[in-house]
C-alpha atoms as a PDB file:
ATOM      1  CA  UNK A   1     -18.149  -8.261  16.373  1.00  0.00           C
ATOM      2  CA  UNK A   2     -16.573  -5.703  14.089  1.00  0.00           C
ATOM      3  CA  UNK A   3     -13.153  -6.436  12.574  1.00  0.00           C
ATOM      4  CA  UNK A   4     -12.057  -2.953  13.577  1.00  0.00           C
ATOM      5  CA  UNK A   5     -12.249  -3.895  17.287  1.00  0.00           C
ATOM      6  CA  UNK A   6      -9.164  -6.074  16.891  1.00  0.00           C
ATOM      7  CA  UNK A   7      -7.082  -2.874  16.940  1.00  0.00           C
ATOM      8  CA  UNK A   8      -8.157  -2.259  20.518  1.00  0.00           C
ATOM      9  CA  UNK A   9      -6.714  -5.505  21.851  1.00  0.00           C
ATOM     10  CA  UNK A  10      -3.920  -4.963  24.327  1.00  0.00           C
ATOM     11  CA  UNK A  11      -1.482  -7.167  22.382  1.00  0.00           C
ATOM     12  CA  UNK A  12      -1.944  -5.161  19.171  1.00  0.00           C
ATOM     13  CA  UNK A  13      -1.429  -1.918  21.060  1.00  0.00           C
ATOM     14  CA  UNK A  14       1.786  -3.382  22.527  1.00  0.00           C
ATOM     15  CA  UNK A  15       3.089  -4.181  19.035  1.00  0.00           C
ATOM     16  CA  UNK A  16       2.277  -0.658  17.845  1.00  0.00           C
ATOM     17  CA  UNK A  17       4.097   0.746  20.889  1.00  0.00           C
ATOM     18  CA  UNK A  18       7.087  -1.496  20.093  1.00  0.00           C
ATOM     19  CA  UNK A  19       7.399  -0.030  16.584  1.00  0.00           C
ATOM     20  CA  UNK A  20       6.978   3.505  17.899  1.00  0.00           C
ATOM     21  CA  UNK A  21       9.790   2.883  20.402  1.00  0.00           C
ATOM     22  CA  UNK A  22      12.228   1.932  17.609  1.00  0.00           C
ATOM     23  CA  UNK A  23      14.626   4.780  16.938  1.00  0.00           C
ATOM     24  CA  UNK A  24      16.468   3.418  13.912  1.00  0.00           C
ATOM     25  CA  UNK A  25      15.749   1.458  10.768  1.00  0.00           C
ATOM     26  CA  UNK A  26      18.017  -1.317  12.073  1.00  0.00           C
ATOM     27  CA  UNK A  27      15.862  -1.721  15.211  1.00  0.00           C
ATOM     28  CA  UNK A  28      12.734  -2.103  13.077  1.00  0.00           C
ATOM     29  CA  UNK A  29      14.526  -4.637  10.844  1.00  0.00           C
ATOM     30  CA  UNK A  30      15.521  -6.595  13.960  1.00  0.00           C
ATOM     31  CA  UNK A  31      11.896  -6.689  15.151  1.00  0.00           C
ATOM     32  CA  UNK A  32      10.761  -7.843  11.699  1.00  0.00           C
ATOM     33  CA  UNK A  33      13.454 -10.530  11.621  1.00  0.00           C
ATOM     34  CA  UNK A  34      12.526 -11.907  15.042  1.00  0.00           C
ATOM     35  CA  UNK A  35       8.750 -11.717  14.758  1.00  0.00           C
ATOM     36  CA  UNK A  36       7.915 -12.348  11.096  1.00  0.00           C
ATOM     37  CA  UNK A  37       8.888 -15.016   8.599  1.00  0.00           C
ATOM     38  CA  UNK A  38      10.625 -13.933   5.371  1.00  0.00           C
ATOM     39  CA  UNK A  39       7.405 -14.653   3.477  1.00  0.00           C
ATOM     40  CA  UNK A  40       5.361 -12.421   5.805  1.00  0.00           C
ATOM     41  CA  UNK A  41       7.888  -9.608   5.408  1.00  0.00           C
ATOM     42  CA  UNK A  42       7.702  -9.928   1.605  1.00  0.00           C
ATOM     43  CA  UNK A  43       3.886  -9.989   1.740  1.00  0.00           C
ATOM     44  CA  UNK A  44       3.885  -6.731   3.710  1.00  0.00           C
ATOM     45  CA  UNK A  45       6.285  -5.174   1.178  1.00  0.00           C
ATOM     46  CA  UNK A  46       4.148  -6.320  -1.780  1.00  0.00           C
ATOM     47  CA  UNK A  47       0.992  -4.962  -0.143  1.00  0.00           C
ATOM     48  CA  UNK A  48       2.699  -1.623   0.448  1.00  0.00           C
ATOM     49  CA  UNK A  49       3.831  -1.524  -3.191  1.00  0.00           C
ATOM     50  CA  UNK A  50       0.267  -2.277  -4.312  1.00  0.00           C
ATOM     51  CA  UNK A  51      -1.140   0.509  -2.113  1.00  0.00           C
ATOM     52  CA  UNK A  52       1.361   2.994  -3.563  1.00  0.00           C
ATOM     53  CA  UNK A  53       0.424   1.922  -7.102  1.00  0.00           C
ATOM     54  CA  UNK A  54      -3.298   2.235  -6.268  1.00  0.00           C
ATOM     55  CA  UNK A  55      -2.646   5.780  -5.002  1.00  0.00           C
ATOM     56  CA  UNK A  56      -0.825   6.545  -8.266  1.00  0.00           C
ATOM     57  CA  UNK A  57      -3.897   5.422 -10.233  1.00  0.00           C
ATOM     58  CA  UNK A  58      -2.259   2.366 -11.816  1.00  0.00           C
ATOM     59  CA  UNK A  59      -4.515  -0.283 -13.347  1.00  0.00           C
ATOM     60  CA  UNK A  60      -5.147  -3.593 -11.580  1.00  0.00           C
ATOM     61  CA  UNK A  61      -3.358  -5.353 -14.451  1.00  0.00           C
ATOM     62  CA  UNK A  62      -0.230  -3.245 -13.882  1.00  0.00           C
ATOM     63  CA  UNK A  63      -0.346  -3.895 -10.130  1.00  0.00           C
ATOM     64  CA  UNK A  64      -0.873  -7.605 -10.699  1.00  0.00           C
ATOM     65  CA  UNK A  65       2.142  -7.771 -13.039  1.00  0.00           C
ATOM     66  CA  UNK A  66       4.393  -5.784 -10.685  1.00  0.00           C
ATOM     67  CA  UNK A  67       3.472  -7.562  -7.439  1.00  0.00           C
ATOM     68  CA  UNK A  68       2.230 -11.006  -8.468  1.00  0.00           C
ATOM     69  CA  UNK A  69      -0.841 -10.499  -6.280  1.00  0.00           C
ATOM     70  CA  UNK A  70      -4.275 -11.775  -7.223  1.00  0.00           C
ATOM     71  CA  UNK A  71      -6.917  -9.389  -8.493  1.00  0.00           C
ATOM     72  CA  UNK A  72      -9.042 -10.189  -5.437  1.00  0.00           C
ATOM     73  CA  UNK A  73      -6.290  -9.130  -3.033  1.00  0.00           C
ATOM     74  CA  UNK A  74      -5.692  -5.934  -5.005  1.00  0.00           C
ATOM     75  CA  UNK A  75      -9.418  -5.173  -4.932  1.00  0.00           C
ATOM     76  CA  UNK A  76      -9.522  -5.691  -1.150  1.00  0.00           C
ATOM     77  CA  UNK A  77      -6.569  -3.361  -0.644  1.00  0.00           C
ATOM     78  CA  UNK A  78      -8.174  -0.815  -2.934  1.00  0.00           C
ATOM     79  CA  UNK A  79     -11.434  -0.996  -0.979  1.00  0.00           C
ATOM     80  CA  UNK A  80      -9.602  -0.582   2.329  1.00  0.00           C
ATOM     81  CA  UNK A  81      -7.861   2.496   0.918  1.00  0.00           C
ATOM     82  CA  UNK A  82     -11.255   3.946   0.070  1.00  0.00           C
ATOM     83  CA  UNK A  83     -10.537   3.996  -3.663  1.00  0.00           C
ATOM     84  CA  UNK A  84     -13.497   5.668  -5.289  1.00  0.00           C
ATOM     85  CA  UNK A  85     -14.452   7.530  -2.124  1.00  0.00           C
ATOM     86  CA  UNK A  86     -11.279   9.348  -1.136  1.00  0.00           C
ATOM     87  CA  UNK A  87      -8.142  10.134  -3.079  1.00  0.00           C
ATOM     88  CA  UNK A  88      -5.544   8.223  -1.074  1.00  0.00           C
ATOM     89  CA  UNK A  89      -4.811   5.407   1.339  1.00  0.00           C
ATOM     90  CA  UNK A  90      -4.021   7.872   4.096  1.00  0.00           C
ATOM     91  CA  UNK A  91      -0.508   6.477   4.426  1.00  0.00           C
ATOM     92  CA  UNK A  92       2.340   8.982   4.538  1.00  0.00           C
ATOM     93  CA  UNK A  93       4.027   9.459   1.174  1.00  0.00           C
ATOM     94  CA  UNK A  94       7.516  10.459   0.244  1.00  0.00           C
ATOM     95  CA  UNK A  95       7.550  13.719  -1.664  1.00  0.00           C
ATOM     96  CA  UNK A  96       8.153  13.123  -5.345  1.00  0.00           C
ATOM     97  CA  UNK A  97       9.860  15.683  -7.511  1.00  0.00           C
ATOM     98  CA  UNK A  98       7.756  16.403 -10.552  1.00  0.00           C
ATOM     99  CA  UNK A  99       9.617  16.836 -13.846  1.00  0.00           C
ATOM    100  CA  UNK A 100       6.672  18.565 -15.485  1.00  0.00           C
ATOM    101  CA  UNK A 101       4.180  21.130 -14.317  1.00  0.00           C
ATOM    102  CA  UNK A 102       1.196  19.016 -15.322  1.00  0.00           C
ATOM    103  CA  UNK A 103       0.293  15.639 -13.897  1.00  0.00           C
ATOM    104  CA  UNK A 104      -1.228  13.186 -16.315  1.00  0.00           C
ATOM    105  CA  UNK A 105      -2.706   9.767 -15.826  1.00  0.00           C
ATOM    106  CA  UNK A 106      -3.105   7.201 -18.557  1.00  0.00           C
ATOM    107  CA  UNK A 107      -6.414   5.385 -18.473  1.00  0.00           C
ATOM    108  CA  UNK A 108      -6.040   1.850 -19.714  1.00  0.00           C
ATOM    109  CA  UNK A 109      -8.570  -0.501 -21.220  1.00  0.00           C
ATOM    110  CA  UNK A 110      -7.616  -4.174 -20.899  1.00  0.00           C
ATOM    111  CA  UNK A 111      -4.005  -3.165 -20.264  1.00  0.00           C
ATOM    112  CA  UNK A 112      -3.722  -0.998 -23.377  1.00  0.00           C
ATOM    113  CA  UNK A 113      -3.261   2.775 -22.906  1.00  0.00           C
ATOM    114  CA  UNK A 114      -6.429   4.413 -24.171  1.00  0.00           C
ATOM    115  CA  UNK A 115      -6.632   8.001 -22.954  1.00  0.00           C
ATOM    116  CA  UNK A 116      -4.230  10.376 -21.270  1.00  0.00           C
ATOM    117  CA  UNK A 117      -6.063  12.738 -18.902  1.00  0.00           C
ATOM    118  CA  UNK A 118      -4.918  15.601 -16.759  1.00  0.00           C
ATOM    119  CA  UNK A 119      -5.349  15.051 -13.016  1.00  0.00           C
END
């Protein structure tokens, strides 16, 4: 049985519908508070932060330092985002205002900046 089939379960679809029915941030916070433990909420937030950092091209070492997650968990998230096959996680992003016309990414080797390349 494929792991992807779990999304088709009626209960999961009900939870998705519940979030879609929320009209305000406060309603979503109330659902989180009643359904999830504080640790689960923090885990979701850390995973989201890791996904954003993966999309930005940050190194695993940087992500590990910022989130406290293990390298294995970061690698799994990266694989689920299709890192190496597509350019992003597919999650909606907030528009960032660029201060410069060129976008650069620093490639790091063992946590030390090595090369600055244009994207």
